[in-house]
PDB file of N, CA and C in Angstrom:
ATOM      1  N   MET A   1     101.405  82.933  95.769  1.00  0.00           N
ATOM      2  CA  MET A   1     102.272  83.687  96.655  1.00  0.00           C
ATOM      3  C   MET A   1     102.019  83.216  98.077  1.00  0.00           C
ATOM      4  N   SER A   2     103.082  83.028  98.799  1.00  0.00           N
ATOM      5  CA  SER A   2     102.918  82.586 100.176  1.00  0.00           C
ATOM      6  C   SER A   2     102.450  83.749 101.046  1.00  0.00           C
ATOM      7  N   ALA A   3     101.832  83.400 102.144  1.00  0.00           N
ATOM      8  CA  ALA A   3     101.328  84.425 103.060  1.00  0.00           C
ATOM      9  C   ALA A   3     102.457  85.290 103.596  1.00  0.00           C
ATOM     10  N   ILE A   4     103.601  84.689 103.847  1.00  0.00           N
ATOM     11  CA  ILE A   4     104.723  85.461 104.395  1.00  0.00           C
ATOM     12  C   ILE A   4     105.188  86.524 103.406  1.00  0.00           C
ATOM     13  N   ASN A   5     105.177  86.212 102.113  1.00  0.00           N
ATOM     14  CA  ASN A   5     105.548  87.218 101.107  1.00  0.00           C
ATOM     15  C   ASN A   5     104.613  88.415 101.181  1.00  0.00           C
ATOM     16  N   GLY A   6     103.326  88.143 101.286  1.00  0.00           N
ATOM     17  CA  GLY A   6     102.348  89.223 101.359  1.00  0.00           C
ATOM     18  C   GLY A   6     102.503  90.067 102.604  1.00  0.00           C
ATOM     19  N   ILE A   7     102.750  89.410 103.731  1.00  0.00           N
ATOM     20  CA  ILE A   7     102.921  90.140 104.994  1.00  0.00           C
ATOM     21  C   ILE A   7     104.166  91.014 104.934  1.00  0.00           C
ATOM     22  N   LEU A   8     105.269  90.439 104.490  1.00  0.00           N
ATOM     23  CA  LEU A   8     106.513  91.207 104.410  1.00  0.00           C
ATOM     24  C   LEU A   8     106.409  92.344 103.403  1.00  0.00           C
ATOM     25  N   ALA A   9     105.769  92.078 102.276  1.00  0.00           N
ATOM     26  CA  ALA A   9     105.591  93.123 101.267  1.00  0.00           C
ATOM     27  C   ALA A   9     104.730  94.257 101.817  1.00  0.00           C
ATOM     28  N   HIS A  10     103.684  93.915 102.525  1.00  0.00           N
ATOM     29  CA  HIS A  10     102.812  94.926 103.133  1.00  0.00           C
ATOM     30  C   HIS A  10     103.589  95.762 104.150  1.00  0.00           C
ATOM     31  N   ASP A  11     104.325  95.105 105.029  1.00  0.00           N
ATOM     32  CA  ASP A  11     105.100  95.823 106.042  1.00  0.00           C
ATOM     33  C   ASP A  11     106.125  96.755 105.398  1.00  0.00           C
ATOM     34  N   LEU A  12     106.783  96.277 104.359  1.00  0.00           N
ATOM     35  CA  LEU A  12     107.750  97.099 103.643  1.00  0.00           C
ATOM     36  C   LEU A  12     107.056  98.277 102.966  1.00  0.00           C
ATOM     37  N   ALA A  13     105.891  98.043 102.396  1.00  0.00           N
ATOM     38  CA  ALA A  13     105.138  99.124 101.747  1.00  0.00           C
ATOM     39  C   ALA A  13     104.776 100.211 102.751  1.00  0.00           C
ATOM     40  N   VAL A  14     104.342  99.818 103.938  1.00  0.00           N
ATOM     41  CA  VAL A  14     103.997 100.791 104.980  1.00  0.00           C
ATOM     42  C   VAL A  14     105.220 101.634 105.321  1.00  0.00           C
ATOM     43  N   ASP A  15     106.351 100.973 105.547  1.00  0.00           N
ATOM     44  CA  ASP A  15     107.581 101.695 105.878  1.00  0.00           C
ATOM     45  C   ASP A  15     108.032 102.600 104.738  1.00  0.00           C
ATOM     46  N   ALA A  16     107.947 102.093 103.519  1.00  0.00           N
ATOM     47  CA  ALA A  16     108.379 102.866 102.353  1.00  0.00           C
ATOM     48  C   ALA A  16     107.508 104.105 102.161  1.00  0.00           C
ATOM     49  N   ILE A  17     106.208 103.970 102.327  1.00  0.00           N
ATOM     50  CA  ILE A  17     105.307 105.112 102.172  1.00  0.00           C
ATOM     51  C   ILE A  17     105.585 106.156 103.247  1.00  0.00           C
ATOM     52  N   GLU A  18     105.755 105.712 104.488  1.00  0.00           N
ATOM     53  CA  GLU A  18     106.053 106.646 105.570  1.00  0.00           C
ATOM     54  C   GLU A  18     107.360 107.388 105.308  1.00  0.00           C
ATOM     55  N   THR A  19     108.379 106.665 104.875  1.00  0.00           N
ATOM     56  CA  THR A  19     109.682 107.275 104.602  1.00  0.00           C
ATOM     57  C   THR A  19     109.607 108.210 103.402  1.00  0.00           C
ATOM     58  N   ALA A  20     108.959 107.761 102.332  1.00  0.00           N
ATOM     59  CA  ALA A  20     108.831 108.591 101.136  1.00  0.00           C
ATOM     60  C   ALA A  20     108.075 109.876 101.446  1.00  0.00           C
ATOM     61  N   THR A  21     107.052 109.777 102.266  1.00  0.00           N
ATOM     62  CA  THR A  21     106.279 110.957 102.652  1.00  0.00           C
ATOM     63  C   THR A  21     107.137 111.904 103.481  1.00  0.00           C
ATOM     64  N   ALA A  22     107.863 111.363 104.441  1.00  0.00           N
ATOM     65  CA  ALA A  22     108.710 112.187 105.304  1.00  0.00           C
ATOM     66  C   ALA A  22     109.814 112.885 104.512  1.00  0.00           C
ATOM     67  N   LEU A  23     110.355 112.189 103.521  1.00  0.00           N
ATOM     68  CA  LEU A  23     111.441 112.754 102.716  1.00  0.00           C
ATOM     69  C   LEU A  23     110.945 113.567 101.522  1.00  0.00           C
ATOM     70  N   GLY A  24     109.651 113.427 101.209  1.00  0.00           N
ATOM     71  CA  GLY A  24     109.123 114.089 100.019  1.00  0.00           C
ATOM     72  C   GLY A  24     109.627 113.454  98.736  1.00  0.00           C
ATOM     73  N   GLU A  25     109.896 112.159  98.783  1.00  0.00           N
ATOM     74  CA  GLU A  25     110.445 111.442  97.626  1.00  0.00           C
ATOM     75  C   GLU A  25     109.567 110.245  97.274  1.00  0.00           C
ATOM     76  N   GLU A  26     108.509 110.484  96.525  1.00  0.00           N
ATOM     77  CA  GLU A  26     107.612 109.394  96.143  1.00  0.00           C
ATOM     78  C   GLU A  26     108.314 108.376  95.244  1.00  0.00           C
ATOM     79  N   GLU A  27     109.383 108.795  94.581  1.00  0.00           N
ATOM     80  CA  GLU A  27     110.160 107.883  93.727  1.00  0.00           C
ATOM     81  C   GLU A  27     110.770 106.738  94.516  1.00  0.00           C
ATOM     82  N   LEU A  28     110.928 106.922  95.818  1.00  0.00           N
ATOM     83  CA  LEU A  28     111.512 105.881  96.660  1.00  0.00           C
ATOM     84  C   LEU A  28     110.726 104.579  96.544  1.00  0.00           C
ATOM     85  N   ILE A  29     109.432 104.684  96.455  1.00  0.00           N
ATOM     86  CA  ILE A  29     108.573 103.495  96.355  1.00  0.00           C
ATOM     87  C   ILE A  29     108.846 102.752  95.055  1.00  0.00           C
ATOM     88  N   VAL A  30     108.992 103.499  93.976  1.00  0.00           N
ATOM     89  CA  VAL A  30     109.308 102.893  92.674  1.00  0.00           C
ATOM     90  C   VAL A  30     110.686 102.236  92.725  1.00  0.00           C
ATOM     91  N   ASP A  31     111.648 102.931  93.333  1.00  0.00           N
ATOM     92  CA  ASP A  31     113.004 102.394  93.427  1.00  0.00           C
ATOM     93  C   ASP A  31     113.034 101.081  94.212  1.00  0.00           C
ATOM     94  N   ILE A  32     112.293 101.027  95.303  1.00  0.00           N
ATOM     95  CA  ILE A  32     112.246  99.799  96.099  1.00  0.00           C
ATOM     96  C   ILE A  32     111.597  98.675  95.294  1.00  0.00           C
ATOM     97  N   GLY A  33     110.519  98.977  94.593  1.00  0.00           N
ATOM     98  CA  GLY A  33     109.865  97.976  93.750  1.00  0.00           C
ATOM     99  C   GLY A  33     110.806  97.431  92.690  1.00  0.00           C
ATOM    100  N   ASN A  34     111.569  98.316  92.065  1.00  0.00           N
ATOM    101  CA  ASN A  34     112.529  97.886  91.042  1.00  0.00           C
ATOM    102  C   ASN A  34     113.637  97.034  91.644  1.00  0.00           C
ATOM    103  N   ASN A  35     114.101  97.434  92.832  1.00  0.00           N
ATOM    104  CA  ASN A  35     115.133  96.656  93.503  1.00  0.00           C
ATOM    105  C   ASN A  35     114.631  95.261  93.849  1.00  0.00           C
ATOM    106  N   LEU A  36     113.418  95.182  94.360  1.00  0.00           N
ATOM    107  CA  LEU A  36     112.842  93.874  94.692  1.00  0.00           C
ATOM    108  C   LEU A  36     112.702  93.002  93.449  1.00  0.00           C
ATOM    109  N   ALA A  37     112.327  93.614  92.336  1.00  0.00           N
ATOM    110  CA  ALA A  37     112.107  92.866  91.094  1.00  0.00           C
ATOM    111  C   ALA A  37     113.378  92.186  90.611  1.00  0.00           C
ATOM    112  N   SER A  38     114.522  92.765  90.947  1.00  0.00           N
ATOM    113  CA  SER A  38     115.771  92.139  90.511  1.00  0.00           C
ATOM    114  C   SER A  38     116.048  90.841  91.272  1.00  0.00           C
ATOM    115  N   PHE A  39     115.343  90.649  92.386  1.00  0.00           N
ATOM    116  CA  PHE A  39     115.517  89.421  93.176  1.00  0.00           C
ATOM    117  C   PHE A  39     114.310  88.499  93.081  1.00  0.00           C
ATOM    118  N   SER A  40     113.104  89.100  93.135  1.00  0.00           N
ATOM    119  CA  SER A  40     111.889  88.277  93.121  1.00  0.00           C
ATOM    120  C   SER A  40     110.735  89.085  92.544  1.00  0.00           C
ATOM    121  N   THR A  41     110.277  88.695  91.374  1.00  0.00           N
ATOM    122  CA  THR A  41     109.152  89.402  90.767  1.00  0.00           C
ATOM    123  C   THR A  41     107.877  89.205  91.582  1.00  0.00           C
ATOM    124  N   THR A  42     107.757  88.069  92.238  1.00  0.00           N
ATOM    125  CA  THR A  42     106.575  87.799  93.060  1.00  0.00           C
ATOM    126  C   THR A  42     106.499  88.761  94.232  1.00  0.00           C
ATOM    127  N   VAL A  43     107.605  88.927  94.934  1.00  0.00           N
ATOM    128  CA  VAL A  43     107.632  89.841  96.076  1.00  0.00           C
ATOM    129  C   VAL A  43     107.500  91.285  95.596  1.00  0.00           C
ATOM    130  N   ALA A  44     108.131  91.605  94.480  1.00  0.00           N
ATOM    131  CA  ALA A  44     108.031  92.963  93.939  1.00  0.00           C
ATOM    132  C   ALA A  44     106.582  93.313  93.615  1.00  0.00           C
ATOM    133  N   GLU A  45     105.873  92.394  93.003  1.00  0.00           N
ATOM    134  CA  GLU A  45     104.470  92.662  92.661  1.00  0.00           C
ATOM    135  C   GLU A  45     103.614  92.771  93.915  1.00  0.00           C
ATOM    136  N   ALA A  46     103.888  91.949  94.908  1.00  0.00           N
ATOM    137  CA  ALA A  46     103.150  92.049  96.174  1.00  0.00           C
ATOM    138  C   ALA A  46     103.410  93.405  96.833  1.00  0.00           C
ATOM    139  N   PHE A  47     104.657  93.859  96.803  1.00  0.00           N
ATOM    140  CA  PHE A  47     105.005  95.163  97.356  1.00  0.00           C
ATOM    141  C   PHE A  47     104.298  96.282  96.602  1.00  0.00           C
ATOM    142  N   ARG A  48     104.371  96.239  95.278  1.00  0.00           N
ATOM    143  CA  ARG A  48     103.740  97.296  94.468  1.00  0.00           C
ATOM    144  C   ARG A  48     102.227  97.343  94.703  1.00  0.00           C
ATOM    145  N   THR A  49     101.618  96.186  94.787  1.00  0.00           N
ATOM    146  CA  THR A  49     100.172  96.136  95.048  1.00  0.00           C
ATOM    147  C   THR A  49      99.854  96.715  96.416  1.00  0.00           C
ATOM    148  N   ALA A  50     100.600  96.303  97.426  1.00  0.00           N
ATOM    149  CA  ALA A  50     100.371  96.815  98.780  1.00  0.00           C
ATOM    150  C   ALA A  50     100.577  98.327  98.828  1.00  0.00           C
ATOM    151  N   ALA A  51     101.610  98.806  98.169  1.00  0.00           N
ATOM    152  CA  ALA A  51     101.882 100.252  98.160  1.00  0.00           C
ATOM    153  C   ALA A  51     100.766 101.001  97.442  1.00  0.00           C
ATOM    154  N   ARG A  52     100.323 100.503  96.297  1.00  0.00           N
ATOM    155  CA  ARG A  52      99.242 101.173  95.556  1.00  0.00           C
ATOM    156  C   ARG A  52      97.962 101.224  96.375  1.00  0.00           C
ATOM    157  N   VAL A  53      97.627 100.115  97.014  1.00  0.00           N
ATOM    158  CA  VAL A  53      96.397 100.064  97.808  1.00  0.00           C
ATOM    159  C   VAL A  53      96.476 101.049  98.969  1.00  0.00           C
ATOM    160  N   ARG A  54      97.584 101.020  99.708  1.00  0.00           N
ATOM    161  CA  ARG A  54      97.726 101.917 100.863  1.00  0.00           C
ATOM    162  C   ARG A  54      97.733 103.375 100.430  1.00  0.00           C
ATOM    163  N   MET A  55      98.433 103.692  99.339  1.00  0.00           N
ATOM    164  CA  MET A  55      98.471 105.084  98.863  1.00  0.00           C
ATOM    165  C   MET A  55      97.091 105.527  98.393  1.00  0.00           C
ATOM    166  N   SER A  56      96.356 104.639  97.778  1.00  0.00           N
ATOM    167  CA  SER A  56      94.987 104.963  97.348  1.00  0.00           C
ATOM    168  C   SER A  56      94.093 105.247  98.550  1.00  0.00           C
ATOM    169  N   ILE A  57      94.223 104.434  99.579  1.00  0.00           N
ATOM    170  CA  ILE A  57      93.418 104.648 100.792  1.00  0.00           C
ATOM    171  C   ILE A  57      93.787 105.958 101.456  1.00  0.00           C
ATOM    172  N   ILE A  58      95.071 106.257 101.534  1.00  0.00           N
ATOM    173  CA  ILE A  58      95.519 107.525 102.129  1.00  0.00           C
ATOM    174  C   ILE A  58      94.923 108.701 101.363  1.00  0.00           C
ATOM    175  N   ARG A  59      94.997 108.649 100.050  1.00  0.00           N
ATOM    176  CA  ARG A  59      94.452 109.746  99.224  1.00  0.00           C
ATOM    177  C   ARG A  59      92.938 109.855  99.361  1.00  0.00           C
ATOM    178  N   ALA A  60      92.268 108.716  99.407  1.00  0.00           N
ATOM    179  CA  ALA A  60      90.806 108.726  99.559  1.00  0.00           C
ATOM    180  C   ALA A  60      90.410 109.303 100.918  1.00  0.00           C
ATOM    181  N   CYS A  61      91.150 108.966 101.954  1.00  0.00           N
ATOM    182  CA  CYS A  61      90.862 109.516 103.286  1.00  0.00           C
ATOM    183  C   CYS A  61      91.070 111.023 103.318  1.00  0.00           C
ATOM    184  N   LYS A  62      92.108 111.504 102.633  1.00  0.00           N
ATOM    185  CA  LYS A  62      92.348 112.953 102.563  1.00  0.00           C
ATOM    186  C   LYS A  62      91.203 113.644 101.834  1.00  0.00           C
ATOM    187  N   LEU A  63      90.721 113.046 100.754  1.00  0.00           N
ATOM    188  CA  LEU A  63      89.601 113.605 100.014  1.00  0.00           C
ATOM    189  C   LEU A  63      88.354 113.646 100.889  1.00  0.00           C
ATOM    190  N   LEU A  64      88.091 112.559 101.581  1.00  0.00           N
ATOM    191  CA  LEU A  64      86.933 112.490 102.469  1.00  0.00           C
ATOM    192  C   LEU A  64      87.029 113.555 103.565  1.00  0.00           C
ATOM    193  N   ASP A  65      88.195 113.677 104.183  1.00  0.00           N
ATOM    194  CA  ASP A  65      88.391 114.702 105.214  1.00  0.00           C
ATOM    195  C   ASP A  65      88.158 116.103 104.655  1.00  0.00           C
ATOM    196  N   SER A  66      88.645 116.335 103.460  1.00  0.00           N
ATOM    197  CA  SER A  66      88.470 117.643 102.819  1.00  0.00           C
ATOM    198  C   SER A  66      86.988 117.957 102.596  1.00  0.00           C
ATOM    199  N   ARG A  67      86.253 116.969 102.122  1.00  0.00           N
ATOM    200  CA  ARG A  67      84.815 117.172 101.892  1.00  0.00           C
ATOM    201  C   ARG A  67      84.069 117.393 103.204  1.00  0.00           C
ATOM    202  N   ILE A  68      84.424 116.639 104.223  1.00  0.00           N
ATOM    203  CA  ILE A  68      83.782 116.802 105.532  1.00  0.00           C
ATOM    204  C   ILE A  68      84.075 118.186 106.094  1.00  0.00           C
ATOM    205  N   ASN A  69      85.330 118.617 106.002  1.00  0.00           N
ATOM    206  CA  ASN A  69      85.709 119.941 106.503  1.00  0.00           C
ATOM    207  C   ASN A  69      84.998 121.055 105.735  1.00  0.00           C
ATOM    208  N   ALA A  70      84.875 120.884 104.433  1.00  0.00           N
ATOM    209  CA  ALA A  70      84.168 121.880 103.629  1.00  0.00           C
ATOM    210  C   ALA A  70      82.697 121.958 104.016  1.00  0.00           C
ATOM    211  N   ALA A  71      82.085 120.818 104.228  1.00  0.00           N
ATOM    212  CA  ALA A  71      80.675 120.796 104.628  1.00  0.00           C
ATOM    213  C   ALA A  71      80.494 121.402 106.018  1.00  0.00           C
ATOM    214  N   ALA A  72      81.414 121.102 106.921  1.00  0.00           N
ATOM    215  CA  ALA A  72      81.356 121.661 108.276  1.00  0.00           C
ATOM    216  C   ALA A  72      81.526 123.178 108.235  1.00  0.00           C
ATOM    217  N   ALA A  73      82.423 123.657 107.390  1.00  0.00           N
ATOM    218  CA  ALA A  73      82.641 125.105 107.264  1.00  0.00           C
ATOM    219  C   ALA A  73      81.398 125.790 106.742  1.00  0.00           C
ATOM    220  N   LYS A  74      80.703 125.153 105.794  1.00  0.00           N
ATOM    221  CA  LYS A  74      79.464 125.717 105.277  1.00  0.00           C
ATOM    222  C   LYS A  74      78.415 125.817 106.375  1.00  0.00           C
ATOM    223  N   LEU A  75      78.305 124.787 107.173  1.00  0.00           N
ATOM    224  CA  LEU A  75      77.325 124.775 108.268  1.00  0.00           C
ATOM    225  C   LEU A  75      77.660 125.830 109.321  1.00  0.00           C
ATOM    226  N   ASP A  76      78.948 125.989 109.597  1.00  0.00           N
ATOM    227  CA  ASP A  76      79.380 126.963 110.593  1.00  0.00           C
ATOM    228  C   ASP A  76      79.158 128.407 110.148  1.00  0.00           C
ATOM    229  N   SER A  77      79.191 128.625 108.840  1.00  0.00           N
ATOM    230  CA  SER A  77      79.014 129.995 108.327  1.00  0.00           C
ATOM    231  C   SER A  77      77.546 130.423 108.284  1.00  0.00           C
ATOM    232  N   LYS A  78      76.649 129.504 108.487  1.00  0.00           N
ATOM    233  CA  LYS A  78      75.220 129.827 108.429  1.00  0.00           C
ATOM    234  C   LYS A  78      74.709 130.270 109.773  1.00  0.00           C
TER     235      LYS A  78
END
């Protein structure tokens, strides 16, 4: 895969995640991946990978924040 494919797929994944989150439509990411696949399986896979990685990081950060907040609340209650 060329570097430009990866960069464009990443940029599209960022935009798609932001839009899907704002609209409350996580299916949008799947729809975009399917649309890309009809033109280029290479770009579609790069997009899907970028989206999965970014969504995983977002979820992991939320989990980490939740644990930190819970620990801080415990300390504050003592």
